mmCIF file of all heavy atoms, coordinates in Angstrom:
data_MODEL
# 
_entry.id   MODEL 
# 
loop_
_atom_site.group_PDB 
_atom_site.id 
_atom_site.type_symbol 
_atom_site.label_atom_id 
_atom_site.label_alt_id 
_atom_site.label_comp_id 
_atom_site.label_asym_id 
_atom_site.label_entity_id 
_atom_site.label_seq_id 
_atom_site.pdbx_PDB_ins_code 
_atom_site.Cartn_x 
_atom_site.Cartn_y 
_atom_site.Cartn_z 
_atom_site.occupancy 
_atom_site.B_iso_or_equiv 
_atom_site.pdbx_formal_charge 
_atom_site.auth_seq_id 
_atom_site.auth_comp_id 
_atom_site.auth_asym_id 
_atom_site.auth_atom_id 
_atom_site.pdbx_PDB_model_num 
ATOM 1   N N   . LEU A 1 1  ? -73.097 -11.169 93.834  1.00 0.00 ? 1  LEU A N   1 
ATOM 2   C CA  . LEU A 1 1  ? -71.722 -11.199 93.672  1.00 0.00 ? 1  LEU A CA  1 
ATOM 3   C C   . LEU A 1 1  ? -71.026 -10.515 94.885  1.00 0.00 ? 1  LEU A C   1 
ATOM 4   O O   . LEU A 1 1  ? -69.952 -10.883 95.321  1.00 0.00 ? 1  LEU A O   1 
ATOM 5   C CB  . LEU A 1 1  ? -71.175 -10.450 92.482  1.00 0.00 ? 1  LEU A CB  1 
ATOM 6   C CG  . LEU A 1 1  ? -71.621 -11.261 91.093  1.00 0.00 ? 1  LEU A CG  1 
ATOM 7   C CD1 . LEU A 1 1  ? -71.217 -10.530 89.757  1.00 0.00 ? 1  LEU A CD1 1 
ATOM 8   C CD2 . LEU A 1 1  ? -71.171 -12.717 91.057  1.00 0.00 ? 1  LEU A CD2 1 
ATOM 9   N N   . LEU A 1 2  ? -71.647 -9.321  95.325  1.00 0.00 ? 2  LEU A N   1 
ATOM 10  C CA  . LEU A 1 2  ? -71.220 -8.604  96.465  1.00 0.00 ? 2  LEU A CA  1 
ATOM 11  C C   . LEU A 1 2  ? -71.336 -9.557  97.669  1.00 0.00 ? 2  LEU A C   1 
ATOM 12  O O   . LEU A 1 2  ? -70.480 -9.457  98.617  1.00 0.00 ? 2  LEU A O   1 
ATOM 13  C CB  . LEU A 1 2  ? -71.884 -7.359  96.693  1.00 0.00 ? 2  LEU A CB  1 
ATOM 14  C CG  . LEU A 1 2  ? -71.638 -6.278  95.656  1.00 0.00 ? 2  LEU A CG  1 
ATOM 15  C CD1 . LEU A 1 2  ? -72.506 -5.060  95.848  1.00 0.00 ? 2  LEU A CD1 1 
ATOM 16  C CD2 . LEU A 1 2  ? -70.150 -5.837  95.731  1.00 0.00 ? 2  LEU A CD2 1 
ATOM 17  N N   . SER A 1 3  ? -72.375 -10.319 97.720  1.00 0.00 ? 3  SER A N   1 
ATOM 18  C CA  . SER A 1 3  ? -72.627 -11.298 98.863  1.00 0.00 ? 3  SER A CA  1 
ATOM 19  C C   . SER A 1 3  ? -71.531 -12.267 98.996  1.00 0.00 ? 3  SER A C   1 
ATOM 20  O O   . SER A 1 3  ? -70.966 -12.587 100.015 1.00 0.00 ? 3  SER A O   1 
ATOM 21  C CB  . SER A 1 3  ? -73.898 -11.994 98.767  1.00 0.00 ? 3  SER A CB  1 
ATOM 22  O OG  . SER A 1 3  ? -74.986 -11.121 98.894  1.00 0.00 ? 3  SER A OG  1 
ATOM 23  N N   . VAL A 1 4  ? -71.128 -12.838 97.881  1.00 0.00 ? 4  VAL A N   1 
ATOM 24  C CA  . VAL A 1 4  ? -69.987 -13.763 97.725  1.00 0.00 ? 4  VAL A CA  1 
ATOM 25  C C   . VAL A 1 4  ? -68.726 -13.065 98.175  1.00 0.00 ? 4  VAL A C   1 
ATOM 26  O O   . VAL A 1 4  ? -67.963 -13.665 98.988  1.00 0.00 ? 4  VAL A O   1 
ATOM 27  C CB  . VAL A 1 4  ? -69.732 -14.341 96.280  1.00 0.00 ? 4  VAL A CB  1 
ATOM 28  C CG1 . VAL A 1 4  ? -68.560 -15.132 96.274  1.00 0.00 ? 4  VAL A CG1 1 
ATOM 29  C CG2 . VAL A 1 4  ? -71.089 -15.169 95.964  1.00 0.00 ? 4  VAL A CG2 1 
ATOM 30  N N   . LEU A 1 5  ? -68.448 -11.830 97.845  1.00 0.00 ? 5  LEU A N   1 
ATOM 31  C CA  . LEU A 1 5  ? -67.141 -11.094 98.107  1.00 0.00 ? 5  LEU A CA  1 
ATOM 32  C C   . LEU A 1 5  ? -67.140 -11.042 99.669  1.00 0.00 ? 5  LEU A C   1 
ATOM 33  O O   . LEU A 1 5  ? -66.185 -11.248 100.303 1.00 0.00 ? 5  LEU A O   1 
ATOM 34  C CB  . LEU A 1 5  ? -67.203 -9.802  97.395  1.00 0.00 ? 5  LEU A CB  1 
ATOM 35  C CG  . LEU A 1 5  ? -65.977 -8.916  97.677  1.00 0.00 ? 5  LEU A CG  1 
ATOM 36  C CD1 . LEU A 1 5  ? -64.703 -9.617  97.251  1.00 0.00 ? 5  LEU A CD1 1 
ATOM 37  C CD2 . LEU A 1 5  ? -66.105 -7.553  97.100  1.00 0.00 ? 5  LEU A CD2 1 
ATOM 38  N N   . ILE A 1 6  ? -68.314 -10.498 100.165 1.00 0.00 ? 6  ILE A N   1 
ATOM 39  C CA  . ILE A 1 6  ? -68.340 -10.332 101.719 1.00 0.00 ? 6  ILE A CA  1 
ATOM 40  C C   . ILE A 1 6  ? -68.123 -11.729 102.421 1.00 0.00 ? 6  ILE A C   1 
ATOM 41  O O   . ILE A 1 6  ? -67.365 -11.852 103.456 1.00 0.00 ? 6  ILE A O   1 
ATOM 42  C CB  . ILE A 1 6  ? -69.738 -9.712  102.117 1.00 0.00 ? 6  ILE A CB  1 
ATOM 43  C CG1 . ILE A 1 6  ? -69.850 -8.404  101.548 1.00 0.00 ? 6  ILE A CG1 1 
ATOM 44  C CG2 . ILE A 1 6  ? -69.804 -9.791  103.732 1.00 0.00 ? 6  ILE A CG2 1 
ATOM 45  C CD1 . ILE A 1 6  ? -71.178 -7.705  101.861 1.00 0.00 ? 6  ILE A CD1 1 
ATOM 46  N N   . GLY A 1 7  ? -68.784 -12.756 101.766 1.00 0.00 ? 7  GLY A N   1 
ATOM 47  C CA  . GLY A 1 7  ? -68.566 -14.125 102.394 1.00 0.00 ? 7  GLY A CA  1 
ATOM 48  C C   . GLY A 1 7  ? -67.172 -14.597 102.439 1.00 0.00 ? 7  GLY A C   1 
ATOM 49  O O   . GLY A 1 7  ? -66.685 -15.299 103.384 1.00 0.00 ? 7  GLY A O   1 
ATOM 50  N N   . LEU A 1 8  ? -66.429 -14.210 101.299 1.00 0.00 ? 8  LEU A N   1 
ATOM 51  C CA  . LEU A 1 8  ? -65.115 -14.668 101.308 1.00 0.00 ? 8  LEU A CA  1 
ATOM 52  C C   . LEU A 1 8  ? -64.243 -13.965 102.428 1.00 0.00 ? 8  LEU A C   1 
ATOM 53  O O   . LEU A 1 8  ? -63.411 -14.583 103.096 1.00 0.00 ? 8  LEU A O   1 
ATOM 54  C CB  . LEU A 1 8  ? -64.475 -14.268 99.885  1.00 0.00 ? 8  LEU A CB  1 
ATOM 55  C CG  . LEU A 1 8  ? -64.922 -15.125 98.765  1.00 0.00 ? 8  LEU A CG  1 
ATOM 56  C CD1 . LEU A 1 8  ? -64.494 -14.451 97.475  1.00 0.00 ? 8  LEU A CD1 1 
ATOM 57  C CD2 . LEU A 1 8  ? -64.454 -16.586 98.804  1.00 0.00 ? 8  LEU A CD2 1 
ATOM 58  N N   . SER A 1 9  ? -64.648 -12.828 102.734 1.00 0.00 ? 9  SER A N   1 
ATOM 59  C CA  . SER A 1 9  ? -64.022 -12.007 103.765 1.00 0.00 ? 9  SER A CA  1 
ATOM 60  C C   . SER A 1 9  ? -64.414 -12.507 105.159 1.00 0.00 ? 9  SER A C   1 
ATOM 61  O O   . SER A 1 9  ? -63.631 -12.592 106.103 1.00 0.00 ? 9  SER A O   1 
ATOM 62  C CB  . SER A 1 9  ? -64.150 -10.474 103.687 1.00 0.00 ? 9  SER A CB  1 
ATOM 63  O OG  . SER A 1 9  ? -63.329 -9.918  102.573 1.00 0.00 ? 9  SER A OG  1 
ATOM 64  N N   . PHE A 1 10 ? -65.711 -12.807 105.265 1.00 0.00 ? 10 PHE A N   1 
ATOM 65  C CA  . PHE A 1 10 ? -66.083 -13.517 106.589 1.00 0.00 ? 10 PHE A CA  1 
ATOM 66  C C   . PHE A 1 10 ? -65.267 -14.772 106.821 1.00 0.00 ? 10 PHE A C   1 
ATOM 67  O O   . PHE A 1 10 ? -64.807 -14.967 107.903 1.00 0.00 ? 10 PHE A O   1 
ATOM 68  C CB  . PHE A 1 10 ? -67.563 -13.840 106.423 1.00 0.00 ? 10 PHE A CB  1 
ATOM 69  C CG  . PHE A 1 10 ? -68.565 -12.837 106.718 1.00 0.00 ? 10 PHE A CG  1 
ATOM 70  C CD1 . PHE A 1 10 ? -68.229 -11.461 106.956 1.00 0.00 ? 10 PHE A CD1 1 
ATOM 71  C CD2 . PHE A 1 10 ? -69.870 -13.127 106.645 1.00 0.00 ? 10 PHE A CD2 1 
ATOM 72  C CE1 . PHE A 1 10 ? -69.099 -10.483 107.216 1.00 0.00 ? 10 PHE A CE1 1 
ATOM 73  C CE2 . PHE A 1 10 ? -70.834 -12.035 106.925 1.00 0.00 ? 10 PHE A CE2 1 
ATOM 74  C CZ  . PHE A 1 10 ? -70.440 -10.801 107.219 1.00 0.00 ? 10 PHE A CZ  1 
ATOM 75  N N   . ALA A 1 11 ? -65.125 -15.630 105.723 1.00 0.00 ? 11 ALA A N   1 
ATOM 76  C CA  . ALA A 1 11 ? -64.332 -16.880 105.946 1.00 0.00 ? 11 ALA A CA  1 
ATOM 77  C C   . ALA A 1 11 ? -62.862 -16.524 106.208 1.00 0.00 ? 11 ALA A C   1 
ATOM 78  O O   . ALA A 1 11 ? -62.238 -17.102 107.055 1.00 0.00 ? 11 ALA A O   1 
ATOM 79  C CB  . ALA A 1 11 ? -64.423 -17.689 104.690 1.00 0.00 ? 11 ALA A CB  1 
ATOM 80  N N   . GLY A 1 12 ? -62.300 -15.531 105.429 1.00 0.00 ? 12 GLY A N   1 
ATOM 81  C CA  . GLY A 1 12 ? -60.933 -15.080 105.767 1.00 0.00 ? 12 GLY A CA  1 
ATOM 82  C C   . GLY A 1 12 ? -60.677 -14.596 107.220 1.00 0.00 ? 12 GLY A C   1 
ATOM 83  O O   . GLY A 1 12 ? -59.670 -14.919 107.805 1.00 0.00 ? 12 GLY A O   1 
ATOM 84  N N   . LEU A 1 13 ? -61.676 -13.809 107.764 1.00 0.00 ? 13 LEU A N   1 
ATOM 85  C CA  . LEU A 1 13 ? -61.628 -13.453 109.155 1.00 0.00 ? 13 LEU A CA  1 
ATOM 86  C C   . LEU A 1 13 ? -61.622 -14.614 110.107 1.00 0.00 ? 13 LEU A C   1 
ATOM 87  O O   . LEU A 1 13 ? -60.891 -14.680 111.146 1.00 0.00 ? 13 LEU A O   1 
ATOM 88  C CB  . LEU A 1 13 ? -62.672 -12.556 109.457 1.00 0.00 ? 13 LEU A CB  1 
ATOM 89  C CG  . LEU A 1 13 ? -62.614 -11.051 109.000 1.00 0.00 ? 13 LEU A CG  1 
ATOM 90  C CD1 . LEU A 1 13 ? -63.919 -10.318 109.275 1.00 0.00 ? 13 LEU A CD1 1 
ATOM 91  C CD2 . LEU A 1 13 ? -61.448 -10.328 109.486 1.00 0.00 ? 13 LEU A CD2 1 
ATOM 92  N N   . THR A 1 14 ? -62.387 -15.675 109.674 1.00 0.00 ? 14 THR A N   1 
ATOM 93  C CA  . THR A 1 14 ? -62.556 -16.854 110.595 1.00 0.00 ? 14 THR A CA  1 
ATOM 94  C C   . THR A 1 14 ? -61.228 -17.650 110.601 1.00 0.00 ? 14 THR A C   1 
ATOM 95  O O   . THR A 1 14 ? -60.679 -18.101 111.675 1.00 0.00 ? 14 THR A O   1 
ATOM 96  C CB  . THR A 1 14 ? -63.688 -17.740 110.118 1.00 0.00 ? 14 THR A CB  1 
ATOM 97  O OG1 . THR A 1 14 ? -64.851 -17.040 110.056 1.00 0.00 ? 14 THR A OG1 1 
ATOM 98  C CG2 . THR A 1 14 ? -63.745 -18.914 111.021 1.00 0.00 ? 14 THR A CG2 1 
ATOM 99  N N   . PHE A 1 15 ? -60.501 -17.711 109.458 1.00 0.00 ? 15 PHE A N   1 
ATOM 100 C CA  . PHE A 1 15 ? -59.210 -18.413 109.445 1.00 0.00 ? 15 PHE A CA  1 
ATOM 101 C C   . PHE A 1 15 ? -58.214 -17.638 110.189 1.00 0.00 ? 15 PHE A C   1 
ATOM 102 O O   . PHE A 1 15 ? -57.305 -18.092 110.772 1.00 0.00 ? 15 PHE A O   1 
ATOM 103 C CB  . PHE A 1 15 ? -58.738 -18.555 107.892 1.00 0.00 ? 15 PHE A CB  1 
ATOM 104 C CG  . PHE A 1 15 ? -59.639 -19.616 107.239 1.00 0.00 ? 15 PHE A CG  1 
ATOM 105 C CD1 . PHE A 1 15 ? -60.297 -19.207 106.039 1.00 0.00 ? 15 PHE A CD1 1 
ATOM 106 C CD2 . PHE A 1 15 ? -59.711 -20.898 107.610 1.00 0.00 ? 15 PHE A CD2 1 
ATOM 107 C CE1 . PHE A 1 15 ? -60.971 -20.128 105.317 1.00 0.00 ? 15 PHE A CE1 1 
ATOM 108 C CE2 . PHE A 1 15 ? -60.495 -21.834 106.952 1.00 0.00 ? 15 PHE A CE2 1 
ATOM 109 C CZ  . PHE A 1 15 ? -61.193 -21.452 105.805 1.00 0.00 ? 15 PHE A CZ  1 
ATOM 110 N N   . LEU A 1 16 ? -58.321 -16.296 110.116 1.00 0.00 ? 16 LEU A N   1 
ATOM 111 C CA  . LEU A 1 16 ? -57.338 -15.489 110.961 1.00 0.00 ? 16 LEU A CA  1 
ATOM 112 C C   . LEU A 1 16 ? -57.652 -15.566 112.406 1.00 0.00 ? 16 LEU A C   1 
ATOM 113 O O   . LEU A 1 16 ? -56.764 -15.649 113.141 1.00 0.00 ? 16 LEU A O   1 
ATOM 114 C CB  . LEU A 1 16 ? -57.507 -13.981 110.448 1.00 0.00 ? 16 LEU A CB  1 
ATOM 115 C CG  . LEU A 1 16 ? -56.697 -12.923 111.213 1.00 0.00 ? 16 LEU A CG  1 
ATOM 116 C CD1 . LEU A 1 16 ? -55.134 -13.272 111.058 1.00 0.00 ? 16 LEU A CD1 1 
ATOM 117 C CD2 . LEU A 1 16 ? -56.915 -11.515 110.749 1.00 0.00 ? 16 LEU A CD2 1 
ATOM 118 N N   . ALA A 1 17 ? -58.980 -15.625 112.768 1.00 0.00 ? 17 ALA A N   1 
ATOM 119 C CA  . ALA A 1 17 ? -59.266 -15.872 114.154 1.00 0.00 ? 17 ALA A CA  1 
ATOM 120 C C   . ALA A 1 17 ? -58.634 -17.205 114.705 1.00 0.00 ? 17 ALA A C   1 
ATOM 121 O O   . ALA A 1 17 ? -58.113 -17.231 115.724 1.00 0.00 ? 17 ALA A O   1 
ATOM 122 C CB  . ALA A 1 17 ? -60.791 -15.989 114.355 1.00 0.00 ? 17 ALA A CB  1 
ATOM 123 N N   . HIS A 1 18 ? -58.696 -18.273 113.875 1.00 0.00 ? 18 HIS A N   1 
ATOM 124 C CA  . HIS A 1 18 ? -58.182 -19.587 114.220 1.00 0.00 ? 18 HIS A CA  1 
ATOM 125 C C   . HIS A 1 18 ? -56.788 -19.445 114.537 1.00 0.00 ? 18 HIS A C   1 
ATOM 126 O O   . HIS A 1 18 ? -56.202 -19.948 115.537 1.00 0.00 ? 18 HIS A O   1 
ATOM 127 C CB  . HIS A 1 18 ? -58.482 -20.539 113.132 1.00 0.00 ? 18 HIS A CB  1 
ATOM 128 C CG  . HIS A 1 18 ? -57.789 -21.905 113.368 1.00 0.00 ? 18 HIS A CG  1 
ATOM 129 N ND1 . HIS A 1 18 ? -56.606 -22.273 112.659 1.00 0.00 ? 18 HIS A ND1 1 
ATOM 130 C CD2 . HIS A 1 18 ? -58.117 -23.017 114.138 1.00 0.00 ? 18 HIS A CD2 1 
ATOM 131 C CE1 . HIS A 1 18 ? -56.213 -23.425 113.089 1.00 0.00 ? 18 HIS A CE1 1 
ATOM 132 N NE2 . HIS A 1 18 ? -57.101 -23.920 113.928 1.00 0.00 ? 18 HIS A NE2 1 
ATOM 133 N N   . GLU A 1 19 ? -55.993 -18.764 113.547 1.00 0.00 ? 19 GLU A N   1 
ATOM 134 C CA  . GLU A 1 19 ? -54.528 -18.804 113.822 1.00 0.00 ? 19 GLU A CA  1 
ATOM 135 C C   . GLU A 1 19 ? -54.132 -17.848 114.977 1.00 0.00 ? 19 GLU A C   1 
ATOM 136 O O   . GLU A 1 19 ? -53.279 -18.139 115.672 1.00 0.00 ? 19 GLU A O   1 
ATOM 137 C CB  . GLU A 1 19 ? -53.894 -18.347 112.474 1.00 0.00 ? 19 GLU A CB  1 
ATOM 138 C CG  . GLU A 1 19 ? -52.404 -18.560 112.480 1.00 0.00 ? 19 GLU A CG  1 
ATOM 139 C CD  . GLU A 1 19 ? -51.796 -18.680 111.081 1.00 0.00 ? 19 GLU A CD  1 
ATOM 140 O OE1 . GLU A 1 19 ? -52.189 -19.602 110.480 1.00 0.00 ? 19 GLU A OE1 1 
ATOM 141 O OE2 . GLU A 1 19 ? -50.836 -17.935 110.800 1.00 0.00 ? 19 GLU A OE2 1 
ATOM 142 N N   . THR A 1 20 ? -54.934 -16.748 115.064 1.00 0.00 ? 20 THR A N   1 
ATOM 143 C CA  . THR A 1 20 ? -54.534 -15.869 116.178 1.00 0.00 ? 20 THR A CA  1 
ATOM 144 C C   . THR A 1 20 ? -54.803 -16.306 117.580 1.00 0.00 ? 20 THR A C   1 
ATOM 145 O O   . THR A 1 20 ? -54.012 -16.223 118.534 1.00 0.00 ? 20 THR A O   1 
ATOM 146 C CB  . THR A 1 20 ? -55.459 -14.497 116.000 1.00 0.00 ? 20 THR A CB  1 
ATOM 147 O OG1 . THR A 1 20 ? -55.141 -13.853 114.672 1.00 0.00 ? 20 THR A OG1 1 
ATOM 148 C CG2 . THR A 1 20 ? -55.149 -13.493 117.014 1.00 0.00 ? 20 THR A CG2 1 
ATOM 149 N N   . LEU A 1 21 ? -55.882 -16.981 117.722 1.00 0.00 ? 21 LEU A N   1 
ATOM 150 C CA  . LEU A 1 21 ? -56.280 -17.545 118.979 1.00 0.00 ? 21 LEU A CA  1 
ATOM 151 C C   . LEU A 1 21 ? -55.491 -18.704 119.458 1.00 0.00 ? 21 LEU A C   1 
ATOM 152 O O   . LEU A 1 21 ? -55.453 -19.096 120.637 1.00 0.00 ? 21 LEU A O   1 
ATOM 153 C CB  . LEU A 1 21 ? -57.806 -17.816 119.094 1.00 0.00 ? 21 LEU A CB  1 
ATOM 154 C CG  . LEU A 1 21 ? -58.696 -16.714 119.194 1.00 0.00 ? 21 LEU A CG  1 
ATOM 155 C CD1 . LEU A 1 21 ? -60.199 -17.078 119.019 1.00 0.00 ? 21 LEU A CD1 1 
ATOM 156 C CD2 . LEU A 1 21 ? -58.507 -15.836 120.428 1.00 0.00 ? 21 LEU A CD2 1 
ATOM 157 N N   . HIS A 1 22 ? -54.678 -19.239 118.438 1.00 0.00 ? 22 HIS A N   1 
ATOM 158 C CA  . HIS A 1 22 ? -53.716 -20.264 118.828 1.00 0.00 ? 22 HIS A CA  1 
ATOM 159 C C   . HIS A 1 22 ? -52.381 -19.662 119.261 1.00 0.00 ? 22 HIS A C   1 
ATOM 160 O O   . HIS A 1 22 ? -51.456 -20.396 119.580 1.00 0.00 ? 22 HIS A O   1 
ATOM 161 C CB  . HIS A 1 22 ? -53.499 -21.265 117.659 1.00 0.00 ? 22 HIS A CB  1 
ATOM 162 C CG  . HIS A 1 22 ? -54.302 -22.469 117.627 1.00 0.00 ? 22 HIS A CG  1 
ATOM 163 N ND1 . HIS A 1 22 ? -54.139 -23.457 118.599 1.00 0.00 ? 22 HIS A ND1 1 
ATOM 164 C CD2 . HIS A 1 22 ? -55.216 -22.862 116.721 1.00 0.00 ? 22 HIS A CD2 1 
ATOM 165 C CE1 . HIS A 1 22 ? -55.134 -24.380 118.361 1.00 0.00 ? 22 HIS A CE1 1 
ATOM 166 N NE2 . HIS A 1 22 ? -55.740 -24.057 117.239 1.00 0.00 ? 22 HIS A NE2 1 
ATOM 167 N N   . GLY A 1 23 ? -52.322 -18.356 119.254 1.00 0.00 ? 23 GLY A N   1 
ATOM 168 C CA  . GLY A 1 23 ? -51.079 -17.712 119.497 1.00 0.00 ? 23 GLY A CA  1 
ATOM 169 C C   . GLY A 1 23 ? -50.031 -17.595 118.475 1.00 0.00 ? 23 GLY A C   1 
ATOM 170 O O   . GLY A 1 23 ? -48.906 -17.366 118.589 1.00 0.00 ? 23 GLY A O   1 
ATOM 171 N N   . CYS A 1 24 ? -50.415 -17.810 117.149 1.00 0.00 ? 24 CYS A N   1 
ATOM 172 C CA  . CYS A 1 24 ? -49.497 -17.878 116.135 1.00 0.00 ? 24 CYS A CA  1 
ATOM 173 C C   . CYS A 1 24 ? -49.213 -16.554 115.465 1.00 0.00 ? 24 CYS A C   1 
ATOM 174 O O   . CYS A 1 24 ? -48.259 -16.384 114.801 1.00 0.00 ? 24 CYS A O   1 
ATOM 175 C CB  . CYS A 1 24 ? -50.168 -18.842 114.952 1.00 0.00 ? 24 CYS A CB  1 
ATOM 176 S SG  . CYS A 1 24 ? -50.600 -20.495 115.437 1.00 0.00 ? 24 CYS A SG  1 
ATOM 177 N N   . VAL A 1 25 ? -50.064 -15.526 115.831 1.00 0.00 ? 25 VAL A N   1 
ATOM 178 C CA  . VAL A 1 25 ? -49.842 -14.269 115.168 1.00 0.00 ? 25 VAL A CA  1 
ATOM 179 C C   . VAL A 1 25 ? -49.308 -13.254 116.191 1.00 0.00 ? 25 VAL A C   1 
ATOM 180 O O   . VAL A 1 25 ? -48.420 -12.488 115.854 1.00 0.00 ? 25 VAL A O   1 
ATOM 181 C CB  . VAL A 1 25 ? -51.264 -13.785 114.539 1.00 0.00 ? 25 VAL A CB  1 
ATOM 182 C CG1 . VAL A 1 25 ? -51.150 -12.432 114.028 1.00 0.00 ? 25 VAL A CG1 1 
ATOM 183 C CG2 . VAL A 1 25 ? -51.834 -14.824 113.590 1.00 0.00 ? 25 VAL A CG2 1 
ATOM 184 N N   . VAL A 1 26 ? -49.988 -13.185 117.396 1.00 0.00 ? 26 VAL A N   1 
ATOM 185 C CA  . VAL A 1 26 ? -49.512 -12.384 118.432 1.00 0.00 ? 26 VAL A CA  1 
ATOM 186 C C   . VAL A 1 26 ? -49.482 -13.151 119.728 1.00 0.00 ? 26 VAL A C   1 
ATOM 187 O O   . VAL A 1 26 ? -50.269 -13.976 119.903 1.00 0.00 ? 26 VAL A O   1 
ATOM 188 C CB  . VAL A 1 26 ? -50.320 -11.193 118.635 1.00 0.00 ? 26 VAL A CB  1 
ATOM 189 C CG1 . VAL A 1 26 ? -50.250 -10.140 117.483 1.00 0.00 ? 26 VAL A CG1 1 
ATOM 190 C CG2 . VAL A 1 26 ? -51.878 -11.463 118.902 1.00 0.00 ? 26 VAL A CG2 1 
# 
């Protein structure tokens, strides 16, 4: 269950990376 929780945050960081590197965040 902790692995799933970490995996959700790994994926969350990836979605943030995608939006950030498009210049949508900063």
